[in-house]
Amino acid sequence: MSLAYLAQEAVETTAKGYGAIGYGLAAIGPGVGIGIVVGKAIEGMVRQPEMAGQVRTTMFLGIAFTEALALIGLVAGFIF
């Protein structure tokens, strides 16, 4: 095996490793974010029950935006 072939193989392996890290972050980050959003929404509903409807609507918007980040990370993993 030549040195150039080994160097090329190392670059390809490194690129695949970065893709795996990207997929992991795309799954972990939004999961943590959704947990925080839902937890804080529940806290808000408990403190002011009369605002539960408005807080719930805002919570679902936050969840949707957080899930959009997960999809962007997944697509970016496929592109790179």
Protein backbone atom coordinates (compact mmCIF):
# COMPACT_ATOMS: atom_id res chain seq x y z
CA MET A 1 0.00 0.00 0.00
CA SER A 2 1.23 3.42 -0.84
CA LEU A 3 1.37 6.33 1.57
CA ALA A 4 -1.05 8.37 -0.57
CA TYR A 5 -3.66 5.59 -0.39
CA LEU A 6 -3.39 5.38 3.40
CA ALA A 7 -3.72 9.16 3.73
CA GLN A 8 -6.83 9.18 1.52
CA GLU A 9 -8.38 6.36 3.54
CA ALA A 10 -7.72 8.25 6.80
CA VAL A 11 -9.44 11.37 5.43
CA GLU A 12 -12.51 9.38 4.38
CA THR A 13 -12.71 7.67 7.77
CA THR A 14 -12.42 11.02 9.57
CA ALA A 15 -15.19 12.50 7.42
CA LYS A 16 -17.46 9.56 8.25
CA GLY A 17 -16.69 10.03 11.95
CA TYR A 18 -17.68 13.69 11.80
CA GLY A 19 -20.93 12.67 10.11
CA ALA A 20 -21.69 10.27 12.95
CA ILE A 21 -21.02 13.01 15.49
CA GLY A 22 -23.37 15.29 13.55
CA TYR A 23 -26.13 12.68 13.61
CA GLY A 24 -25.68 12.23 17.35
CA LEU A 25 -25.87 15.96 18.02
CA ALA A 26 -28.88 16.24 15.73
CA ALA A 27 -30.66 13.70 17.92
CA ILE A 28 -29.45 14.72 21.39
CA GLY A 29 -29.70 18.51 21.12
CA PRO A 30 -33.37 18.77 20.14
CA GLY A 31 -34.27 16.08 22.68
CA VAL A 32 -32.80 18.17 25.46
CA GLY A 33 -34.42 21.30 24.03
CA ILE A 34 -37.87 19.75 23.92
CA GLY A 35 -37.48 18.54 27.48
CA ILE A 36 -36.65 22.05 28.63
CA VAL A 37 -39.53 23.61 26.64
CA VAL A 38 -42.12 21.18 27.99
CA GLY A 39 -40.80 21.39 31.55
CA LYS A 40 -40.92 25.18 31.59
CA ALA A 41 -44.39 25.16 30.01
CA ILE A 42 -45.68 22.86 32.74
CA GLU A 43 -44.14 25.14 35.37
CA GLY A 44 -45.92 28.11 33.77
CA MET A 45 -49.25 26.27 33.69
CA VAL A 46 -48.93 25.33 37.35
CA ARG A 47 -48.14 28.90 38.38
CA GLN A 48 -50.92 30.49 36.31
CA PRO A 49 -53.61 27.95 35.37
CA GLU A 50 -55.73 30.60 33.66
CA MET A 51 -52.98 31.04 31.03
CA ALA A 52 -52.69 27.32 30.29
CA GLY A 53 -54.17 27.61 26.78
CA GLN A 54 -51.79 30.34 25.69
CA VAL A 55 -48.80 28.62 27.30
CA ARG A 56 -49.71 25.33 25.59
CA THR A 57 -49.89 27.05 22.19
CA THR A 58 -46.51 28.66 22.73
CA MET A 59 -45.10 25.33 23.90
CA PHE A 60 -46.16 23.59 20.70
CA LEU A 61 -44.56 26.35 18.64
CA GLY A 62 -41.33 25.89 20.59
CA ILE A 63 -41.47 22.14 20.03
CA ALA A 64 -42.00 22.64 16.29
CA PHE A 65 -39.00 24.97 16.01
CA THR A 66 -36.83 22.61 18.03
CA GLU A 67 -37.80 19.66 15.82
CA ALA A 68 -36.95 21.75 12.77
CA LEU A 69 -33.40 21.95 14.12
CA ALA A 70 -33.31 18.15 14.33
CA LEU A 71 -34.39 17.84 10.70
CA ILE A 72 -31.83 20.43 9.57
CA GLY A 73 -29.11 18.48 11.39
CA LEU A 74 -30.24 15.24 9.79
CA VAL A 75 -30.23 16.74 6.30
CA ALA A 76 -26.84 18.36 6.90
CA GLY A 77 -25.50 14.95 7.86
CA PHE A 78 -26.63 13.52 4.54
CA ILE A 79 -25.18 16.42 2.57
CA PHE A 80 -21.74 16.35 4.16
